[in-house]
C-alpha atoms as a PDB file:
ATOM      1  CA  UNK A   1       0.661  68.865  30.465  1.00  0.00           C
ATOM      2  CA  UNK A   2       0.044  71.901  32.795  1.00  0.00           C
ATOM      3  CA  UNK A   3      -0.949  71.287  36.401  1.00  0.00           C
ATOM      4  CA  UNK A   4      -4.281  72.827  36.018  1.00  0.00           C
ATOM      5  CA  UNK A   5      -4.821  71.081  32.993  1.00  0.00           C
ATOM      6  CA  UNK A   6      -4.762  67.457  34.725  1.00  0.00           C
ATOM      7  CA  UNK A   7      -6.447  68.700  38.012  1.00  0.00           C
ATOM      8  CA  UNK A   8      -9.425  69.774  35.370  1.00  0.00           C
ATOM      9  CA  UNK A   9      -8.951  66.529  33.676  1.00  0.00           C
ATOM     10  CA  UNK A  10      -9.428  64.760  37.063  1.00  0.00           C
ATOM     11  CA  UNK A  11     -12.234  66.880  38.039  1.00  0.00           C
ATOM     12  CA  UNK A  12     -14.268  65.818  35.391  1.00  0.00           C
ATOM     13  CA  UNK A  13     -13.452  62.218  35.559  1.00  0.00           C
ATOM     14  CA  UNK A  14     -14.585  62.081  38.873  1.00  0.00           C
ATOM     15  CA  UNK A  15     -17.614  64.305  38.391  1.00  0.00           C
ATOM     16  CA  UNK A  16     -18.378  61.968  35.036  1.00  0.00           C
ATOM     17  CA  UNK A  17     -17.533  58.619  37.297  1.00  0.00           C
ATOM     18  CA  UNK A  18     -20.375  60.212  39.836  1.00  0.00           C
ATOM     19  CA  UNK A  19     -22.910  61.278  37.466  1.00  0.00           C
ATOM     20  CA  UNK A  20     -22.681  57.404  35.899  1.00  0.00           C
ATOM     21  CA  UNK A  21     -23.371  56.046  39.535  1.00  0.00           C
ATOM     22  CA  UNK A  22     -25.980  58.437  40.374  1.00  0.00           C
ATOM     23  CA  UNK A  23     -27.456  57.200  36.563  1.00  0.00           C
ATOM     24  CA  UNK A  24     -27.485  53.500  37.369  1.00  0.00           C
ATOM     25  CA  UNK A  25     -28.697  54.269  41.265  1.00  0.00           C
ATOM     26  CA  UNK A  26     -31.843  56.191  40.298  1.00  0.00           C
ATOM     27  CA  UNK A  27     -32.363  57.011  36.807  1.00  0.00           C
ATOM     28  CA  UNK A  28     -35.569  58.606  36.417  1.00  0.00           C
ATOM     29  CA  UNK A  29     -33.992  61.225  39.242  1.00  0.00           C
ATOM     30  CA  UNK A  30     -30.644  61.615  37.796  1.00  0.00           C
ATOM     31  CA  UNK A  31     -30.954  61.303  34.132  1.00  0.00           C
ATOM     32  CA  UNK A  32     -31.901  64.927  33.362  1.00  0.00           C
ATOM     33  CA  UNK A  33     -28.496  65.714  34.669  1.00  0.00           C
ATOM     34  CA  UNK A  34     -26.763  63.527  32.375  1.00  0.00           C
ATOM     35  CA  UNK A  35     -28.974  64.837  29.261  1.00  0.00           C
ATOM     36  CA  UNK A  36     -28.124  68.515  30.535  1.00  0.00           C
ATOM     37  CA  UNK A  37     -24.489  68.007  30.577  1.00  0.00           C
ATOM     38  CA  UNK A  38     -24.556  66.080  26.639  1.00  0.00           C
ATOM     39  CA  UNK A  39     -26.512  69.790  25.905  1.00  0.00           C
ATOM     40  CA  UNK A  40     -24.470  72.041  27.730  1.00  0.00           C
ATOM     41  CA  UNK A  41     -21.155  70.959  27.853  1.00  0.00           C
ATOM     42  CA  UNK A  42     -18.435  72.591  25.716  1.00  0.00           C
ATOM     43  CA  UNK A  43     -15.936  69.823  26.055  1.00  0.00           C
ATOM     44  CA  UNK A  44     -16.251  66.865  24.332  1.00  0.00           C
ATOM     45  CA  UNK A  45     -15.201  64.547  26.814  1.00  0.00           C
ATOM     46  CA  UNK A  46     -18.281  65.667  29.360  1.00  0.00           C
ATOM     47  CA  UNK A  47     -20.612  65.163  25.880  1.00  0.00           C
ATOM     48  CA  UNK A  48     -19.171  61.615  25.196  1.00  0.00           C
ATOM     49  CA  UNK A  49     -19.540  60.642  29.041  1.00  0.00           C
ATOM     50  CA  UNK A  50     -23.142  61.750  28.996  1.00  0.00           C
ATOM     51  CA  UNK A  51     -23.368  59.490  25.706  1.00  0.00           C
ATOM     52  CA  UNK A  52     -22.104  56.362  27.951  1.00  0.00           C
ATOM     53  CA  UNK A  53     -24.138  56.833  30.638  1.00  0.00           C
ATOM     54  CA  UNK A  54     -27.016  57.839  28.647  1.00  0.00           C
ATOM     55  CA  UNK A  55     -26.714  54.315  26.886  1.00  0.00           C
ATOM     56  CA  UNK A  56     -27.275  52.143  29.264  1.00  0.00           C
ATOM     57  CA  UNK A  57     -30.762  54.356  30.052  1.00  0.00           C
ATOM     58  CA  UNK A  58     -33.796  53.786  28.891  1.00  0.00           C
ATOM     59  CA  UNK A  59     -36.799  56.195  27.447  1.00  0.00           C
ATOM     60  CA  UNK A  60     -36.263  59.259  25.393  1.00  0.00           C
ATOM     61  CA  UNK A  61     -33.547  60.898  26.341  1.00  0.00           C
ATOM     62  CA  UNK A  62     -31.452  57.802  25.472  1.00  0.00           C
ATOM     63  CA  UNK A  63     -32.567  57.731  21.949  1.00  0.00           C
ATOM     64  CA  UNK A  64     -32.312  61.498  21.420  1.00  0.00           C
ATOM     65  CA  UNK A  65     -28.472  62.224  22.544  1.00  0.00           C
ATOM     66  CA  UNK A  66     -27.809  58.918  20.705  1.00  0.00           C
ATOM     67  CA  UNK A  67     -29.436  60.350  17.596  1.00  0.00           C
ATOM     68  CA  UNK A  68     -28.006  63.434  18.132  1.00  0.00           C
ATOM     69  CA  UNK A  69     -24.496  62.138  18.681  1.00  0.00           C
ATOM     70  CA  UNK A  70     -24.741  60.193  15.713  1.00  0.00           C
ATOM     71  CA  UNK A  71     -26.174  62.697  13.075  1.00  0.00           C
ATOM     72  CA  UNK A  72     -23.273  65.869  14.190  1.00  0.00           C
ATOM     73  CA  UNK A  73     -20.685  62.949  13.996  1.00  0.00           C
ATOM     74  CA  UNK A  74     -21.723  60.296  11.229  1.00  0.00           C
ATOM     75  CA  UNK A  75     -19.003  61.373   8.631  1.00  0.00           C
ATOM     76  CA  UNK A  76     -16.038  61.051  11.136  1.00  0.00           C
ATOM     77  CA  UNK A  77     -14.560  57.711  11.128  1.00  0.00           C
ATOM     78  CA  UNK A  78     -12.674  58.040  14.043  1.00  0.00           C
ATOM     79  CA  UNK A  79     -15.691  59.848  15.909  1.00  0.00           C
ATOM     80  CA  UNK A  80     -18.167  57.309  15.402  1.00  0.00           C
ATOM     81  CA  UNK A  81     -16.552  54.591  17.092  1.00  0.00           C
ATOM     82  CA  UNK A  82     -16.740  56.570  20.192  1.00  0.00           C
ATOM     83  CA  UNK A  83     -21.357  56.164  19.326  1.00  0.00           C
ATOM     84  CA  UNK A  84     -20.674  52.536  18.290  1.00  0.00           C
ATOM     85  CA  UNK A  85     -18.908  51.528  21.674  1.00  0.00           C
ATOM     86  CA  UNK A  86     -21.607  53.318  23.190  1.00  0.00           C
ATOM     87  CA  UNK A  87     -24.099  50.991  22.627  1.00  0.00           C
ATOM     88  CA  UNK A  88     -22.525  48.002  21.977  1.00  0.00           C
ATOM     89  CA  UNK A  89     -21.038  47.775  25.004  1.00  0.00           C
ATOM     90  CA  UNK A  90     -24.125  49.035  27.047  1.00  0.00           C
ATOM     91  CA  UNK A  91     -26.593  46.833  29.088  1.00  0.00           C
ATOM     92  CA  UNK A  92     -29.252  47.604  26.694  1.00  0.00           C
ATOM     93  CA  UNK A  93     -27.267  45.869  23.767  1.00  0.00           C
ATOM     94  CA  UNK A  94     -29.171  43.352  21.327  1.00  0.00           C
ATOM     95  CA  UNK A  95     -28.162  41.611  18.288  1.00  0.00           C
ATOM     96  CA  UNK A  96     -30.595  43.685  16.448  1.00  0.00           C
ATOM     97  CA  UNK A  97     -28.620  47.132  17.584  1.00  0.00           C
ATOM     98  CA  UNK A  98     -25.699  45.409  16.363  1.00  0.00           C
ATOM     99  CA  UNK A  99     -27.464  45.093  12.446  1.00  0.00           C
ATOM    100  CA  UNK A 100     -28.485  48.392  12.740  1.00  0.00           C
ATOM    101  CA  UNK A 101     -25.274  50.159  13.251  1.00  0.00           C
ATOM    102  CA  UNK A 102     -23.604  48.555  10.793  1.00  0.00           C
ATOM    103  CA  UNK A 103     -26.796  49.441   8.445  1.00  0.00           C
ATOM    104  CA  UNK A 104     -26.045  53.177   9.212  1.00  0.00           C
ATOM    105  CA  UNK A 105     -24.357  55.593   6.847  1.00  0.00           C
ATOM    106  CA  UNK A 106     -21.329  56.659   9.364  1.00  0.00           C
ATOM    107  CA  UNK A 107     -20.618  52.826  10.034  1.00  0.00           C
ATOM    108  CA  UNK A 108     -18.011  51.536   6.979  1.00  0.00           C
ATOM    109  CA  UNK A 109     -17.889  47.268   6.618  1.00  0.00           C
ATOM    110  CA  UNK A 110     -14.576  47.139   5.721  1.00  0.00           C
ATOM    111  CA  UNK A 111     -13.085  49.426   8.054  1.00  0.00           C
ATOM    112  CA  UNK A 112     -10.881  46.935  11.251  1.00  0.00           C
ATOM    113  CA  UNK A 113     -11.904  50.011  13.757  1.00  0.00           C
ATOM    114  CA  UNK A 114     -15.578  49.875  13.141  1.00  0.00           C
ATOM    115  CA  UNK A 115     -15.253  46.123  12.912  1.00  0.00           C
ATOM    116  CA  UNK A 116     -13.148  46.535  16.005  1.00  0.00           C
ATOM    117  CA  UNK A 117     -15.734  48.827  17.831  1.00  0.00           C
ATOM    118  CA  UNK A 118     -18.821  46.099  17.397  1.00  0.00           C
ATOM    119  CA  UNK A 119     -17.701  42.592  17.459  1.00  0.00           C
ATOM    120  CA  UNK A 120     -14.201  42.724  20.105  1.00  0.00           C
ATOM    121  CA  UNK A 121     -16.973  45.151  22.031  1.00  0.00           C
ATOM    122  CA  UNK A 122     -19.644  43.008  22.026  1.00  0.00           C
ATOM    123  CA  UNK A 123     -17.459  40.054  23.030  1.00  0.00           C
ATOM    124  CA  UNK A 124     -16.526  41.922  26.223  1.00  0.00           C
ATOM    125  CA  UNK A 125     -20.146  42.947  26.531  1.00  0.00           C
ATOM    126  CA  UNK A 126     -20.699  39.601  28.707  1.00  0.00           C
ATOM    127  CA  UNK A 127     -23.759  39.330  29.546  1.00  0.00           C
ATOM    128  CA  UNK A 128     -25.158  39.649  26.543  1.00  0.00           C
ATOM    129  CA  UNK A 129     -22.434  37.740  24.580  1.00  0.00           C
ATOM    130  CA  UNK A 130     -23.208  34.443  26.939  1.00  0.00           C
ATOM    131  CA  UNK A 131     -26.777  34.254  25.825  1.00  0.00           C
ATOM    132  CA  UNK A 132     -28.344  31.686  27.525  1.00  0.00           C
ATOM    133  CA  UNK A 133     -29.390  30.194  23.718  1.00  0.00           C
ATOM    134  CA  UNK A 134     -26.044  30.677  22.279  1.00  0.00           C
ATOM    135  CA  UNK A 135     -27.467  33.566  19.880  1.00  0.00           C
ATOM    136  CA  UNK A 136     -24.620  35.628  20.619  1.00  0.00           C
ATOM    137  CA  UNK A 137     -21.765  33.203  20.428  1.00  0.00           C
ATOM    138  CA  UNK A 138     -23.137  32.645  16.439  1.00  0.00           C
ATOM    139  CA  UNK A 139     -23.791  35.997  15.788  1.00  0.00           C
ATOM    140  CA  UNK A 140     -20.218  36.703  16.030  1.00  0.00           C
ATOM    141  CA  UNK A 141     -18.801  33.392  14.579  1.00  0.00           C
ATOM    142  CA  UNK A 142     -21.530  34.272  11.480  1.00  0.00           C
ATOM    143  CA  UNK A 143     -19.825  37.194  10.847  1.00  0.00           C
ATOM    144  CA  UNK A 144     -15.810  35.774  11.693  1.00  0.00           C
ATOM    145  CA  UNK A 145     -16.800  33.890   8.690  1.00  0.00           C
ATOM    146  CA  UNK A 146     -17.826  36.647   6.887  1.00  0.00           C
ATOM    147  CA  UNK A 147     -14.886  39.120   7.557  1.00  0.00           C
ATOM    148  CA  UNK A 148     -12.313  36.155   6.895  1.00  0.00           C
ATOM    149  CA  UNK A 149     -13.354  36.233   3.256  1.00  0.00           C
ATOM    150  CA  UNK A 150     -11.805  39.563   3.141  1.00  0.00           C
ATOM    151  CA  UNK A 151      -9.689  40.291   6.452  1.00  0.00           C
ATOM    152  CA  UNK A 152      -8.180  36.917   7.815  1.00  0.00           C
ATOM    153  CA  UNK A 153      -5.768  38.519  10.537  1.00  0.00           C
ATOM    154  CA  UNK A 154      -8.770  40.767  11.561  1.00  0.00           C
ATOM    155  CA  UNK A 155     -10.955  37.958  11.618  1.00  0.00           C
ATOM    156  CA  UNK A 156      -7.917  36.279  13.371  1.00  0.00           C
ATOM    157  CA  UNK A 157      -8.025  38.459  16.390  1.00  0.00           C
ATOM    158  CA  UNK A 158     -11.480  37.908  16.658  1.00  0.00           C
ATOM    159  CA  UNK A 159     -11.596  34.428  17.526  1.00  0.00           C
ATOM    160  CA  UNK A 160      -9.353  35.015  19.981  1.00  0.00           C
ATOM    161  CA  UNK A 161     -11.976  37.360  21.847  1.00  0.00           C
ATOM    162  CA  UNK A 162     -14.723  35.038  20.938  1.00  0.00           C
ATOM    163  CA  UNK A 163     -13.679  31.964  22.487  1.00  0.00           C
ATOM    164  CA  UNK A 164     -10.928  33.237  24.914  1.00  0.00           C
ATOM    165  CA  UNK A 165     -13.640  31.838  27.581  1.00  0.00           C
ATOM    166  CA  UNK A 166     -14.366  28.441  26.111  1.00  0.00           C
ATOM    167  CA  UNK A 167     -12.686  26.401  29.024  1.00  0.00           C
ATOM    168  CA  UNK A 168     -13.909  28.495  31.743  1.00  0.00           C
ATOM    169  CA  UNK A 169     -17.477  27.791  31.038  1.00  0.00           C
ATOM    170  CA  UNK A 170     -20.534  25.821  32.565  1.00  0.00           C
ATOM    171  CA  UNK A 171     -21.309  22.631  30.342  1.00  0.00           C
ATOM    172  CA  UNK A 172     -23.982  23.693  28.740  1.00  0.00           C
ATOM    173  CA  UNK A 173     -22.791  27.283  27.590  1.00  0.00           C
ATOM    174  CA  UNK A 174     -19.574  25.425  26.793  1.00  0.00           C
ATOM    175  CA  UNK A 175     -21.652  22.670  24.452  1.00  0.00           C
ATOM    176  CA  UNK A 176     -23.135  25.929  22.695  1.00  0.00           C
ATOM    177  CA  UNK A 177     -19.903  27.521  22.009  1.00  0.00           C
ATOM    178  CA  UNK A 178     -18.349  24.387  20.864  1.00  0.00           C
ATOM    179  CA  UNK A 179     -20.831  23.962  18.377  1.00  0.00           C
ATOM    180  CA  UNK A 180     -20.047  27.712  16.547  1.00  0.00           C
ATOM    181  CA  UNK A 181     -16.190  26.480  16.944  1.00  0.00           C
ATOM    182  CA  UNK A 182     -16.928  23.197  14.857  1.00  0.00           C
ATOM    183  CA  UNK A 183     -18.704  25.239  12.327  1.00  0.00           C
ATOM    184  CA  UNK A 184     -15.759  27.719  11.965  1.00  0.00           C
ATOM    185  CA  UNK A 185     -13.462  24.756  11.491  1.00  0.00           C
ATOM    186  CA  UNK A 186     -15.290  23.505   9.134  1.00  0.00           C
ATOM    187  CA  UNK A 187     -15.878  26.536   7.134  1.00  0.00           C
ATOM    188  CA  UNK A 188     -15.561  26.582   3.345  1.00  0.00           C
ATOM    189  CA  UNK A 189     -13.302  29.149   1.885  1.00  0.00           C
ATOM    190  CA  UNK A 190     -11.923  30.045   5.291  1.00  0.00           C
ATOM    191  CA  UNK A 191      -8.177  30.138   5.200  1.00  0.00           C
ATOM    192  CA  UNK A 192      -5.930  27.508   7.267  1.00  0.00           C
ATOM    193  CA  UNK A 193      -4.837  29.708   9.748  1.00  0.00           C
ATOM    194  CA  UNK A 194      -8.192  30.410  11.247  1.00  0.00           C
ATOM    195  CA  UNK A 195      -9.315  26.538  10.792  1.00  0.00           C
ATOM    196  CA  UNK A 196      -6.207  25.687  12.963  1.00  0.00           C
ATOM    197  CA  UNK A 197      -7.067  28.526  15.653  1.00  0.00           C
ATOM    198  CA  UNK A 198     -10.667  27.094  15.741  1.00  0.00           C
ATOM    199  CA  UNK A 199      -9.206  23.933  16.619  1.00  0.00           C
ATOM    200  CA  UNK A 200      -6.596  24.877  18.805  1.00  0.00           C
ATOM    201  CA  UNK A 201      -9.580  26.037  20.992  1.00  0.00           C
ATOM    202  CA  UNK A 202     -11.383  22.917  20.897  1.00  0.00           C
ATOM    203  CA  UNK A 203      -7.977  20.660  21.794  1.00  0.00           C
ATOM    204  CA  UNK A 204      -8.625  22.626  25.399  1.00  0.00           C
ATOM    205  CA  UNK A 205     -11.303  20.909  25.999  1.00  0.00           C
END
């Protein structure tokens, strides 16, 4: 890469980092800057940065931008991953949004990268995944069992993401997660390797 290219890339990254901080500190005042960047920039990385920033806001600009990006890129199985991850990693993410994503035409329910963009990213969205009622644990376990029926290797990867914090949790959260590990271990028709993985986590408690 040329020095100018690297310099421009670093300037872009810095500018988008500052924009992200500004919007998070005062959404009402600065959200229009992120929206304008999305609409006006001819650089894909700047557009994507705006999508990620706006995904963490509320209001009509969020919905308009996410909808526009989806409509532009829904037929590109690679680029649409960015749209999925922007929503799933956001502080606004809900289980309903995860279902909505999977019902979109641009989502391929057998595509490993699309599935990773939903379920692995969801497990890493700690504030949402570690719901106080255990809804996040149940949702991910439901889908691990479902995915195990056609891609047990991928399901095994999601087990690691889903339960990696099991031994570190406080008692109440740990009990909620333990319930799902037991479900997974005892689920009918699930590969032995998956049951063994669940049992290994349980044996650590």
